[in-house]
Amino acid sequence: MARVVFMGTPEFALPSLHALLMTQELVAVVTQPDRPAGRSKQVRQSPVKQLALDAGIPVLQPGRLRGDESAIAALAACQADVFVVAAFGQILPQAVLDLPGRGVVNVHASLLPRWRGAAPIQAAIRAGDELSGATIMLLDTGLDTGPMLAKREIVLAADETGGTLHNKLAALGADLLADILPGWLRGEITPQDQDNALATYAPQLKKQEGEIDWSLSADEIERMVRAYQPWPRTYTHWQGARLTIEAGVVLKGQTQPGLVIQQRNHIAIGTGERLFCPTLLQLPGKKRLSVGDFINGYPAFIGAQLGK
């Protein structure tokens, strides 16, 4: 078995770490430092750190690898054949990329070169892509620009959310990694360069990007709602409060963008094209409510102009 250093942080990385624990000699795990999380701001270990400690694997937690000579020396001391990265959260400096003899292999949640960057899962759903998938690639100093070892695709479901696609691609990427890594280590796979002319980018999401622009079409808004579930979630403003919209469907018809109207047995909101019917809503500090329960509790919502 090869000596492997794994680098990852969130839940997306866990299936890949599991796969390596089963098939390779894992000599160290590198993850982001413990950080405050949640409303309580309690300092928490990353999911990857928790699994590594449970498995008895040494854990390294450098703040930033770039310029951290002690962390780079610790990685060099591992004498690994290959580094494997899955959602680590840092762009690796050349000094780290040069350490393992078989390079740094990365599990990426898109069909590269489409959706390079930090948020490929959400970008694929919001754009209305019919396909997504996982790519196993070699890292270089660019942003997901390195040569590819293998790709595997899946068809997006009509009701796909950021959460469901995250879980599918985490598992798919781990399976592909387990299939491909032995052949790469034996020198049996020839990397394929990406076509940079086909590249698209999915930058890191910020919470405020979940605000709905009601001048967009209802189809765009519906995809946005699904893409940003469970984070950062989509929202609008009503009576000075942030109203989170958890789910919804597109209906025929037209009215002023952002205007809430009665539509048969539902409510509907005007958009730039057609109507958007929210089915699950939540006000700050309140429970998530179906649209029927929401209207029963807040009848003044009908006729409201949202986004102000």
C-alpha atoms as a PDB file:
ATOM      1  CA  MET A   1       0.000   0.000   0.000  1.00  0.00           C
ATOM      2  CA  ALA A   2       1.071   3.571  -0.703  1.00  0.00           C
ATOM      3  CA  ARG A   3       1.845   6.071   2.029  1.00  0.00           C
ATOM      4  CA  VAL A   4      -0.867   8.732   1.817  1.00  0.00           C
ATOM      5  CA  VAL A   5      -1.425  12.115   3.443  1.00  0.00           C
ATOM      6  CA  PHE A   6      -5.057  13.215   3.296  1.00  0.00           C
ATOM      7  CA  MET A   7      -6.070  16.874   3.311  1.00  0.00           C
ATOM      8  CA  GLY A   8      -9.713  17.805   3.896  1.00  0.00           C
ATOM      9  CA  THR A   9     -12.043  19.566   6.293  1.00  0.00           C
ATOM     10  CA  PRO A  10     -15.874  19.395   5.908  1.00  0.00           C
ATOM     11  CA  GLU A  11     -18.354  16.534   5.626  1.00  0.00           C
ATOM     12  CA  PHE A  12     -17.852  16.361   1.852  1.00  0.00           C
ATOM     13  CA  ALA A  13     -14.376  14.935   2.504  1.00  0.00           C
ATOM     14  CA  LEU A  14     -15.491  12.121   4.824  1.00  0.00           C
ATOM     15  CA  PRO A  15     -16.347   9.453   2.193  1.00  0.00           C
ATOM     16  CA  SER A  16     -12.953   9.976   0.534  1.00  0.00           C
ATOM     17  CA  LEU A  17     -11.192   9.669   3.888  1.00  0.00           C
ATOM     18  CA  HIS A  18     -13.149   6.471   4.609  1.00  0.00           C
ATOM     19  CA  ALA A  19     -12.075   5.068   1.230  1.00  0.00           C
ATOM     20  CA  LEU A  20      -8.412   5.746   1.971  1.00  0.00           C
ATOM     21  CA  LEU A  21      -8.628   4.242   5.443  1.00  0.00           C
ATOM     22  CA  MET A  22      -9.860   1.034   3.826  1.00  0.00           C
ATOM     23  CA  THR A  23      -7.349   0.810   0.988  1.00  0.00           C
ATOM     24  CA  GLN A  24      -4.133   2.741   1.708  1.00  0.00           C
ATOM     25  CA  GLU A  25      -1.585   3.420   4.451  1.00  0.00           C
ATOM     26  CA  LEU A  26      -2.764   6.763   5.798  1.00  0.00           C
ATOM     27  CA  VAL A  27       0.177   8.380   7.586  1.00  0.00           C
ATOM     28  CA  ALA A  28      -1.351  11.791   8.431  1.00  0.00           C
ATOM     29  CA  VAL A  29      -4.427  13.949   7.994  1.00  0.00           C
ATOM     30  CA  VAL A  30      -4.243  17.697   7.444  1.00  0.00           C
ATOM     31  CA  THR A  31      -7.321  19.788   8.232  1.00  0.00           C
ATOM     32  CA  GLN A  32      -8.246  23.352   9.040  1.00  0.00           C
ATOM     33  CA  PRO A  33      -7.785  24.627  12.629  1.00  0.00           C
ATOM     34  CA  ASP A  34     -10.632  24.219  15.126  1.00  0.00           C
ATOM     35  CA  ARG A  35     -12.966  27.197  14.843  1.00  0.00           C
ATOM     36  CA  PRO A  36     -16.074  28.633  16.556  1.00  0.00           C
ATOM     37  CA  ALA A  37     -19.290  27.414  14.963  1.00  0.00           C
ATOM     38  CA  GLY A  38     -23.042  27.738  15.390  1.00  0.00           C
ATOM     39  CA  ARG A  39     -24.954  30.232  17.475  1.00  0.00           C
ATOM     40  CA  SER A  40     -23.051  29.252  20.609  1.00  0.00           C
ATOM     41  CA  LYS A  41     -19.710  29.953  18.894  1.00  0.00           C
ATOM     42  CA  GLN A  42     -18.233  26.923  20.586  1.00  0.00           C
ATOM     43  CA  VAL A  43     -14.882  25.855  19.154  1.00  0.00           C
ATOM     44  CA  ARG A  44     -15.410  22.667  17.153  1.00  0.00           C
ATOM     45  CA  GLN A  45     -13.220  20.150  15.424  1.00  0.00           C
ATOM     46  CA  SER A  46     -13.735  19.626  11.715  1.00  0.00           C
ATOM     47  CA  PRO A  47     -15.577  16.438  10.658  1.00  0.00           C
ATOM     48  CA  VAL A  48     -12.342  15.195   9.088  1.00  0.00           C
ATOM     49  CA  LYS A  49     -10.385  15.712  12.307  1.00  0.00           C
ATOM     50  CA  GLN A  50     -12.992  13.809  14.306  1.00  0.00           C
ATOM     51  CA  LEU A  51     -12.818  10.809  11.972  1.00  0.00           C
ATOM     52  CA  ALA A  52      -9.010  10.871  11.838  1.00  0.00           C
ATOM     53  CA  LEU A  53      -8.701  10.907  15.631  1.00  0.00           C
ATOM     54  CA  ASP A  54     -11.233   8.070  15.918  1.00  0.00           C
ATOM     55  CA  ALA A  55      -9.087   6.077  13.473  1.00  0.00           C
ATOM     56  CA  GLY A  56      -5.869   6.866  15.358  1.00  0.00           C
ATOM     57  CA  ILE A  57      -4.349   8.905  12.498  1.00  0.00           C
ATOM     58  CA  PRO A  58      -2.014  11.828  13.361  1.00  0.00           C
ATOM     59  CA  VAL A  59      -3.619  15.213  12.608  1.00  0.00           C
ATOM     60  CA  LEU A  60      -1.898  18.407  11.461  1.00  0.00           C
ATOM     61  CA  GLN A  61      -3.770  21.748  11.581  1.00  0.00           C
ATOM     62  CA  PRO A  62      -1.690  24.541  10.054  1.00  0.00           C
ATOM     63  CA  GLY A  63      -3.332  27.976   9.815  1.00  0.00           C
ATOM     64  CA  ARG A  64      -1.937  28.583   6.328  1.00  0.00           C
ATOM     65  CA  LEU A  65       0.502  26.314   4.559  1.00  0.00           C
ATOM     66  CA  ARG A  66       1.885  29.095   2.396  1.00  0.00           C
ATOM     67  CA  GLY A  67       4.952  30.414   4.174  1.00  0.00           C
ATOM     68  CA  ASP A  68       4.629  28.016   7.142  1.00  0.00           C
ATOM     69  CA  GLU A  69       8.014  26.304   7.034  1.00  0.00           C
ATOM     70  CA  SER A  70       7.356  24.171  10.111  1.00  0.00           C
ATOM     71  CA  ALA A  71       4.121  22.773   8.647  1.00  0.00           C
ATOM     72  CA  ILE A  72       5.795  22.055   5.314  1.00  0.00           C
ATOM     73  CA  ALA A  73       8.655  20.312   7.145  1.00  0.00           C
ATOM     74  CA  ALA A  74       6.119  18.183   9.035  1.00  0.00           C
ATOM     75  CA  LEU A  75       4.512  17.164   5.736  1.00  0.00           C
ATOM     76  CA  ALA A  76       7.908  16.335   4.252  1.00  0.00           C
ATOM     77  CA  ALA A  77       8.673  14.131   7.247  1.00  0.00           C
ATOM     78  CA  CYS A  78       5.629  12.008   6.413  1.00  0.00           C
ATOM     79  CA  GLN A  79       7.505  10.721   3.328  1.00  0.00           C
ATOM     80  CA  ALA A  80       4.215  10.186   1.542  1.00  0.00           C
ATOM     81  CA  ASP A  81       3.923   8.764  -1.963  1.00  0.00           C
ATOM     82  CA  VAL A  82       0.886  10.924  -2.690  1.00  0.00           C
ATOM     83  CA  PHE A  83      -1.256  13.599  -1.080  1.00  0.00           C
ATOM     84  CA  VAL A  84      -5.022  13.335  -1.557  1.00  0.00           C
ATOM     85  CA  VAL A  85      -7.159  16.476  -1.190  1.00  0.00           C
ATOM     86  CA  ALA A  86     -10.942  16.763  -0.828  1.00  0.00           C
ATOM     87  CA  ALA A  87     -12.383  20.160   0.126  1.00  0.00           C
ATOM     88  CA  PHE A  88      -9.375  21.169   2.207  1.00  0.00           C
ATOM     89  CA  GLY A  89     -10.024  24.904   1.963  1.00  0.00           C
ATOM     90  CA  GLN A  90      -6.605  26.243   0.905  1.00  0.00           C
ATOM     91  CA  ILE A  91      -4.750  26.616  -2.376  1.00  0.00           C
ATOM     92  CA  LEU A  92      -1.547  24.660  -1.848  1.00  0.00           C
ATOM     93  CA  PRO A  93       1.812  26.380  -2.461  1.00  0.00           C
ATOM     94  CA  GLN A  94       4.340  24.874  -4.854  1.00  0.00           C
ATOM     95  CA  ALA A  95       6.514  23.815  -1.921  1.00  0.00           C
ATOM     96  CA  VAL A  96       3.742  21.437  -0.813  1.00  0.00           C
ATOM     97  CA  LEU A  97       2.852  20.262  -4.320  1.00  0.00           C
ATOM     98  CA  ASP A  98       6.486  19.220  -4.850  1.00  0.00           C
ATOM     99  CA  LEU A  99       6.676  16.956  -1.785  1.00  0.00           C
ATOM    100  CA  PRO A 100       5.023  13.659  -2.841  1.00  0.00           C
ATOM    101  CA  GLY A 101       6.506  11.664  -5.694  1.00  0.00           C
ATOM    102  CA  ARG A 102       3.104  10.991  -7.286  1.00  0.00           C
ATOM    103  CA  GLY A 103       1.840  14.518  -6.820  1.00  0.00           C
ATOM    104  CA  VAL A 104      -1.296  15.851  -5.150  1.00  0.00           C
ATOM    105  CA  VAL A 105      -4.568  14.216  -6.213  1.00  0.00           C
ATOM    106  CA  ASN A 106      -7.776  16.200  -5.721  1.00  0.00           C
ATOM    107  CA  VAL A 107     -11.445  15.140  -5.562  1.00  0.00           C
ATOM    108  CA  HIS A 108     -13.484  17.926  -7.185  1.00  0.00           C
ATOM    109  CA  ALA A 109     -17.301  18.128  -7.230  1.00  0.00           C
ATOM    110  CA  SER A 110     -17.889  19.003 -10.888  1.00  0.00           C
ATOM    111  CA  LEU A 111     -17.166  17.831 -14.401  1.00  0.00           C
ATOM    112  CA  LEU A 112     -14.098  19.960 -14.997  1.00  0.00           C
ATOM    113  CA  PRO A 113     -13.357  22.342 -16.583  1.00  0.00           C
ATOM    114  CA  ARG A 114     -16.956  23.371 -15.837  1.00  0.00           C
ATOM    115  CA  TRP A 115     -17.339  24.949 -12.405  1.00  0.00           C
ATOM    116  CA  ARG A 116     -13.853  25.410 -11.127  1.00  0.00           C
ATOM    117  CA  GLY A 117     -13.828  27.019  -7.702  1.00  0.00           C
ATOM    118  CA  ALA A 118     -15.306  26.687  -4.224  1.00  0.00           C
ATOM    119  CA  ALA A 119     -19.050  26.287  -4.910  1.00  0.00           C
ATOM    120  CA  PRO A 120     -19.469  23.994  -7.947  1.00  0.00           C
ATOM    121  CA  ILE A 121     -22.438  22.102  -6.493  1.00  0.00           C
ATOM    122  CA  GLN A 122     -24.623  25.177  -6.056  1.00  0.00           C
ATOM    123  CA  ALA A 123     -23.490  26.639  -9.369  1.00  0.00           C
ATOM    124  CA  ALA A 124     -24.531  23.546 -11.333  1.00  0.00           C
ATOM    125  CA  ILE A 125     -28.063  23.568  -9.901  1.00  0.00           C
ATOM    126  CA  ARG A 126     -28.545  27.306 -10.249  1.00  0.00           C
ATOM    127  CA  ALA A 127     -27.402  27.221 -13.879  1.00  0.00           C
ATOM    128  CA  GLY A 128     -29.875  24.454 -14.697  1.00  0.00           C
ATOM    129  CA  ASP A 129     -27.206  21.915 -15.653  1.00  0.00           C
ATOM    130  CA  GLU A 130     -28.580  18.509 -16.560  1.00  0.00           C
ATOM    131  CA  LEU A 131     -25.364  16.730 -15.572  1.00  0.00           C
ATOM    132  CA  SER A 132     -22.882  17.030 -12.758  1.00  0.00           C
ATOM    133  CA  GLY A 133     -20.237  14.690 -11.436  1.00  0.00           C
ATOM    134  CA  ALA A 134     -16.851  14.242  -9.842  1.00  0.00           C
ATOM    135  CA  THR A 135     -13.388  14.754 -11.278  1.00  0.00           C
ATOM    136  CA  ILE A 136     -10.146  13.299  -9.946  1.00  0.00           C
ATOM    137  CA  MET A 137      -7.358  15.661 -10.926  1.00  0.00           C
ATOM    138  CA  LEU A 138      -3.807  16.676 -10.110  1.00  0.00           C
ATOM    139  CA  LEU A 139      -3.415  19.965  -8.299  1.00  0.00           C
ATOM    140  CA  ASP A 140      -1.199  22.758  -9.540  1.00  0.00           C
ATOM    141  CA  THR A 141      -0.924  26.325  -8.256  1.00  0.00           C
ATOM    142  CA  GLY A 142      -4.011  27.450 -10.198  1.00  0.00           C
ATOM    143  CA  LEU A 143      -7.652  27.236  -9.165  1.00  0.00           C
ATOM    144  CA  ASP A 144      -8.689  23.710 -10.201  1.00  0.00           C
ATOM    145  CA  THR A 145      -6.671  24.026 -13.405  1.00  0.00           C
ATOM    146  CA  GLY A 146      -4.565  20.865 -13.174  1.00  0.00           C
ATOM    147  CA  PRO A 147      -4.711  17.830 -15.474  1.00  0.00           C
ATOM    148  CA  MET A 148      -7.478  15.272 -14.966  1.00  0.00           C
ATOM    149  CA  LEU A 149      -7.136  11.587 -14.136  1.00  0.00           C
ATOM    150  CA  ALA A 150     -10.804  10.575 -14.426  1.00  0.00           C
ATOM    151  CA  LYS A 151     -14.378  11.895 -14.447  1.00  0.00           C
ATOM    152  CA  ARG A 152     -17.695  10.296 -13.587  1.00  0.00           C
ATOM    153  CA  GLU A 153     -21.062  11.931 -14.232  1.00  0.00           C
ATOM    154  CA  ILE A 154     -24.581  11.764 -12.811  1.00  0.00           C
ATOM    155  CA  VAL A 155     -27.915  13.179 -13.979  1.00  0.00           C
ATOM    156  CA  LEU A 156     -29.381  15.882 -11.731  1.00  0.00           C
ATOM    157  CA  ALA A 157     -32.835  15.145 -10.357  1.00  0.00           C
ATOM    158  CA  ALA A 158     -35.617  17.625 -11.073  1.00  0.00           C
ATOM    159  CA  ASP A 159     -35.850  18.399  -7.357  1.00  0.00           C
ATOM    160  CA  GLU A 160     -32.078  18.367  -6.721  1.00  0.00           C
ATOM    161  CA  THR A 161     -30.903  20.614  -3.890  1.00  0.00           C
ATOM    162  CA  GLY A 162     -27.470  21.711  -2.835  1.00  0.00           C
ATOM    163  CA  GLY A 163     -27.711  19.246   0.039  1.00  0.00           C
ATOM    164  CA  THR A 164     -28.753  16.212  -1.985  1.00  0.00           C
ATOM    165  CA  LEU A 165     -26.173  16.839  -4.699  1.00  0.00           C
ATOM    166  CA  HIS A 166     -23.468  17.405  -2.076  1.00  0.00           C
ATOM    167  CA  ASN A 167     -24.099  13.946  -0.636  1.00  0.00           C
ATOM    168  CA  LYS A 168     -24.258  12.267  -4.039  1.00  0.00           C
ATOM    169  CA  LEU A 169     -21.009  13.813  -5.245  1.00  0.00           C
ATOM    170  CA  ALA A 170     -19.177  13.167  -1.984  1.00  0.00           C
ATOM    171  CA  ALA A 171     -19.960   9.457  -2.374  1.00  0.00           C
ATOM    172  CA  LEU A 172     -19.323   9.458  -6.128  1.00  0.00           C
ATOM    173  CA  GLY A 173     -15.969  11.195  -5.723  1.00  0.00           C
ATOM    174  CA  ALA A 174     -14.875   8.731  -3.052  1.00  0.00           C
ATOM    175  CA  ASP A 175     -15.814   5.748  -5.214  1.00  0.00           C
ATOM    176  CA  LEU A 176     -13.969   7.205  -8.184  1.00  0.00           C
ATOM    177  CA  LEU A 177     -10.929   7.941  -6.019  1.00  0.00           C
ATOM    178  CA  ALA A 178     -10.835   4.349  -4.778  1.00  0.00           C
ATOM    179  CA  ASP A 179     -11.060   3.075  -8.362  1.00  0.00           C
ATOM    180  CA  ILE A 180      -8.464   5.436  -9.844  1.00  0.00           C
ATOM    181  CA  LEU A 181      -5.791   5.934  -7.196  1.00  0.00           C
ATOM    182  CA  PRO A 182      -4.169   2.457  -7.412  1.00  0.00           C
ATOM    183  CA  GLY A 183      -3.736   2.790 -11.177  1.00  0.00           C
ATOM    184  CA  TRP A 184      -2.287   6.279 -10.805  1.00  0.00           C
ATOM    185  CA  LEU A 185       0.197   5.067  -8.203  1.00  0.00           C
ATOM    186  CA  ARG A 186       1.278   2.237 -10.532  1.00  0.00           C
ATOM    187  CA  GLY A 187       1.845   4.675 -13.396  1.00  0.00           C
ATOM    188  CA  GLU A 188      -0.994   3.270 -15.515  1.00  0.00           C
ATOM    189  CA  ILE A 189      -2.988   6.498 -16.037  1.00  0.00           C
ATOM    190  CA  THR A 190      -2.030   9.381 -18.320  1.00  0.00           C
ATOM    191  CA  PRO A 191      -3.353  12.767 -17.115  1.00  0.00           C
ATOM    192  CA  GLN A 192      -5.452  14.769 -19.575  1.00  0.00           C
ATOM    193  CA  ASP A 193      -5.161  18.549 -19.765  1.00  0.00           C
ATOM    194  CA  GLN A 194      -8.310  20.610 -19.274  1.00  0.00           C
ATOM    195  CA  ASP A 195      -9.657  22.759 -22.100  1.00  0.00           C
ATOM    196  CA  ASN A 196      -9.348  26.216 -20.561  1.00  0.00           C
ATOM    197  CA  ALA A 197     -11.664  27.666 -23.209  1.00  0.00           C
ATOM    198  CA  LEU A 198     -14.546  25.695 -21.662  1.00  0.00           C
ATOM    199  CA  ALA A 199     -13.843  26.743 -18.083  1.00  0.00           C
ATOM    200  CA  THR A 200     -16.526  28.305 -15.901  1.00  0.00           C
ATOM    201  CA  TYR A 201     -16.096  29.490 -12.328  1.00  0.00           C
ATOM    202  CA  ALA A 202     -18.043  29.067  -9.090  1.00  0.00           C
ATOM    203  CA  PRO A 203     -16.571  31.407  -6.462  1.00  0.00           C
ATOM    204  CA  GLN A 204     -17.093  30.918  -2.755  1.00  0.00           C
ATOM    205  CA  LEU A 205     -20.633  31.721  -1.657  1.00  0.00           C
ATOM    206  CA  LYS A 206     -21.461  34.447   0.830  1.00  0.00           C
ATOM    207  CA  LYS A 207     -24.586  34.548   2.963  1.00  0.00           C
ATOM    208  CA  GLN A 208     -25.922  37.721   1.332  1.00  0.00           C
ATOM    209  CA  GLU A 209     -25.949  36.024  -2.077  1.00  0.00           C
ATOM    210  CA  GLY A 210     -29.106  34.229  -0.979  1.00  0.00           C
ATOM    211  CA  GLU A 211     -31.222  37.380  -1.333  1.00  0.00           C
ATOM    212  CA  ILE A 212     -33.813  36.931  -4.079  1.00  0.00           C
ATOM    213  CA  ASP A 213     -34.010  39.411  -6.933  1.00  0.00           C
ATOM    214  CA  TRP A 214     -37.682  39.240  -7.946  1.00  0.00           C
ATOM    215  CA  SER A 215     -36.898  40.640 -11.388  1.00  0.00           C
ATOM    216  CA  LEU A 216     -35.349  37.276 -12.256  1.00  0.00           C
ATOM    217  CA  SER A 217     -37.571  34.659 -13.880  1.00  0.00           C
ATOM    218  CA  ALA A 218     -39.485  32.234 -11.670  1.00  0.00           C
ATOM    219  CA  ASP A 219     -37.417  29.373 -13.102  1.00  0.00           C
ATOM    220  CA  GLU A 220     -34.175  31.085 -12.077  1.00  0.00           C
ATOM    221  CA  ILE A 221     -35.529  31.751  -8.595  1.00  0.00           C
ATOM    222  CA  GLU A 222     -36.750  28.169  -8.181  1.00  0.00           C
ATOM    223  CA  ARG A 223     -33.295  26.835  -9.114  1.00  0.00           C
ATOM    224  CA  MET A 224     -31.661  29.327  -6.761  1.00  0.00           C
ATOM    225  CA  VAL A 225     -33.885  28.194  -3.877  1.00  0.00           C
ATOM    226  CA  ARG A 226     -32.893  24.568  -4.482  1.00  0.00           C
ATOM    227  CA  ALA A 227     -29.218  25.339  -5.047  1.00  0.00           C
ATOM    228  CA  TYR A 228     -28.833  27.304  -1.823  1.00  0.00           C
ATOM    229  CA  GLN A 229     -30.524  24.696   0.365  1.00  0.00           C
ATOM    230  CA  PRO A 230     -29.325  24.053   3.088  1.00  0.00           C
ATOM    231  CA  TRP A 231     -26.834  26.966   2.885  1.00  0.00           C
ATOM    232  CA  PRO A 232     -26.795  29.916   2.462  1.00  0.00           C
ATOM    233  CA  ARG A 233     -30.578  29.597   1.925  1.00  0.00           C
ATOM    234  CA  THR A 234     -32.625  32.111  -0.026  1.00  0.00           C
ATOM    235  CA  TYR A 235     -34.480  34.992   1.510  1.00  0.00           C
ATOM    236  CA  THR A 236     -36.391  38.197   0.888  1.00  0.00           C
ATOM    237  CA  HIS A 237     -37.553  41.056   3.109  1.00  0.00           C
ATOM    238  CA  TRP A 238     -41.067  41.588   4.432  1.00  0.00           C
ATOM    239  CA  GLN A 239     -42.049  44.216   7.003  1.00  0.00           C
ATOM    240  CA  GLY A 240     -38.408  44.797   7.841  1.00  0.00           C
ATOM    241  CA  ALA A 241     -37.721  41.124   8.606  1.00  0.00           C
ATOM    242  CA  ARG A 242     -35.744  38.551   6.681  1.00  0.00           C
ATOM    243  CA  LEU A 243     -38.158  35.952   5.309  1.00  0.00           C
ATOM    244  CA  THR A 244     -36.446  32.721   4.349  1.00  0.00           C
ATOM    245  CA  ILE A 245     -37.944  30.749   1.473  1.00  0.00           C
ATOM    246  CA  GLU A 246     -37.048  27.087   1.791  1.00  0.00           C
ATOM    247  CA  ALA A 247     -38.840  25.611  -1.226  1.00  0.00           C
ATOM    248  CA  GLY A 248     -41.239  26.509  -4.010  1.00  0.00           C
ATOM    249  CA  VAL A 249     -42.592  25.790  -7.483  1.00  0.00           C
ATOM    250  CA  VAL A 250     -43.149  27.724 -10.700  1.00  0.00           C
ATOM    251  CA  LEU A 251     -46.672  28.612 -11.849  1.00  0.00           C
ATOM    252  CA  LYS A 252     -48.113  30.154 -14.985  1.00  0.00           C
ATOM    253  CA  GLY A 253     -49.225  33.775 -14.848  1.00  0.00           C
ATOM    254  CA  GLN A 254     -47.701  37.189 -14.336  1.00  0.00           C
ATOM    255  CA  THR A 255     -47.864  40.080 -11.901  1.00  0.00           C
ATOM    256  CA  GLN A 256     -45.559  42.793 -10.603  1.00  0.00           C
ATOM    257  CA  PRO A 257     -42.179  41.376  -9.453  1.00  0.00           C
ATOM    258  CA  GLY A 258     -42.178  40.831  -5.703  1.00  0.00           C
ATOM    259  CA  LEU A 259     -45.959  41.221  -5.307  1.00  0.00           C
ATOM    260  CA  VAL A 260     -47.701  38.486  -3.296  1.00  0.00           C
ATOM    261  CA  ILE A 261     -51.067  37.466  -4.754  1.00  0.00           C
ATOM    262  CA  GLN A 262     -53.707  34.798  -4.147  1.00  0.00           C
ATOM    263  CA  GLN A 263     -53.503  32.091  -6.804  1.00  0.00           C
ATOM    264  CA  ARG A 264     -56.275  29.502  -6.518  1.00  0.00           C
ATOM    265  CA  ASN A 265     -55.466  27.523  -3.364  1.00  0.00           C
ATOM    266  CA  HIS A 266     -51.973  28.957  -3.156  1.00  0.00           C
ATOM    267  CA  ILE A 267     -50.137  32.232  -2.944  1.00  0.00           C
ATOM    268  CA  ALA A 268     -47.804  33.305  -5.693  1.00  0.00           C
ATOM    269  CA  ILE A 269     -45.125  35.951  -6.036  1.00  0.00           C
ATOM    270  CA  GLY A 270     -44.537  37.959  -9.175  1.00  0.00           C
ATOM    271  CA  THR A 271     -41.183  37.642 -10.925  1.00  0.00           C
ATOM    272  CA  GLY A 272     -39.639  38.831 -14.150  1.00  0.00           C
ATOM    273  CA  GLU A 273     -41.318  35.910 -15.920  1.00  0.00           C
ATOM    274  CA  ARG A 274     -44.159  33.720 -14.589  1.00  0.00           C
ATOM    275  CA  LEU A 275     -45.005  33.250 -10.916  1.00  0.00           C
ATOM    276  CA  PHE A 276     -43.123  31.675  -8.046  1.00  0.00           C
ATOM    277  CA  CYS A 277     -45.160  29.804  -5.430  1.00  0.00           C
ATOM    278  CA  PRO A 278     -43.283  29.332  -2.130  1.00  0.00           C
ATOM    279  CA  THR A 279     -44.193  26.144  -0.270  1.00  0.00           C
ATOM    280  CA  LEU A 280     -42.069  26.451   2.880  1.00  0.00           C
ATOM    281  CA  LEU A 281     -41.250  29.726   4.665  1.00  0.00           C
ATOM    282  CA  GLN A 282     -39.589  30.857   7.886  1.00  0.00           C
ATOM    283  CA  LEU A 283     -39.370  34.140   9.785  1.00  0.00           C
ATOM    284  CA  PRO A 284     -36.473  34.819  12.196  1.00  0.00           C
ATOM    285  CA  GLY A 285     -36.893  32.953  15.460  1.00  0.00           C
ATOM    286  CA  LYS A 286     -39.980  31.104  14.192  1.00  0.00           C
ATOM    287  CA  LYS A 287     -40.666  27.578  12.968  1.00  0.00           C
ATOM    288  CA  ARG A 288     -40.621  26.670   9.310  1.00  0.00           C
ATOM    289  CA  LEU A 289     -44.198  26.748   8.031  1.00  0.00           C
ATOM    290  CA  SER A 290     -46.025  25.380   5.041  1.00  0.00           C
ATOM    291  CA  VAL A 291     -47.533  28.112   2.884  1.00  0.00           C
ATOM    292  CA  GLY A 292     -51.029  27.331   4.207  1.00  0.00           C
ATOM    293  CA  ASP A 293     -49.965  27.626   7.836  1.00  0.00           C
ATOM    294  CA  PHE A 294     -47.992  30.762   7.053  1.00  0.00           C
ATOM    295  CA  ILE A 295     -50.986  32.523   5.528  1.00  0.00           C
ATOM    296  CA  ASN A 296     -53.189  31.460   8.420  1.00  0.00           C
ATOM    297  CA  GLY A 297     -50.729  33.028  10.803  1.00  0.00           C
ATOM    298  CA  TYR A 298     -49.891  36.078   8.695  1.00  0.00           C
ATOM    299  CA  PRO A 299     -52.900  36.940   6.471  1.00  0.00           C
ATOM    300  CA  ALA A 300     -51.413  40.376   5.730  1.00  0.00           C
ATOM    301  CA  PHE A 301     -48.761  38.608   3.645  1.00  0.00           C
ATOM    302  CA  ILE A 302     -51.207  38.508   0.727  1.00  0.00           C
ATOM    303  CA  GLY A 303     -50.825  41.779  -1.144  1.00  0.00           C
ATOM    304  CA  ALA A 304     -47.369  42.472   0.296  1.00  0.00           C
ATOM    305  CA  GLN A 305     -44.549  43.857  -1.826  1.00  0.00           C
ATOM    306  CA  LEU A 306     -41.443  41.863  -1.040  1.00  0.00           C
ATOM    307  CA  GLY A 307     -37.837  42.884  -1.185  1.00  0.00           C
ATOM    308  CA  LYS A 308     -38.186  46.202   0.622  1.00  0.00           C
END
